[in-house]
């Protein structure tokens, strides 16, 4: 049987990439430092000359926004099918 649709994981990854491009540059910088460079919250705060609480809140807001965006993208994709 041929696959006509994109696998759910591939669709989610594609949606996540699109959603990440919509984030503010500063948020992306913080996420990059945290998850790709494995920096600790306090280290990120020092690098960006801000408070650790600001970094934590930004990460939580970014993750929430990404989750909402991916869910909306996936729902829109299902509607189009």
Foldseek 3Di string as FASTA:
>chain_A
DDDDDDPPVVLLVVQLVVQLVVDDPVLVVLCCCCPVVVDDLCVVCVVVVHDSVVSVVSPVVSVVSSVVSSVVSVVVVVVVD
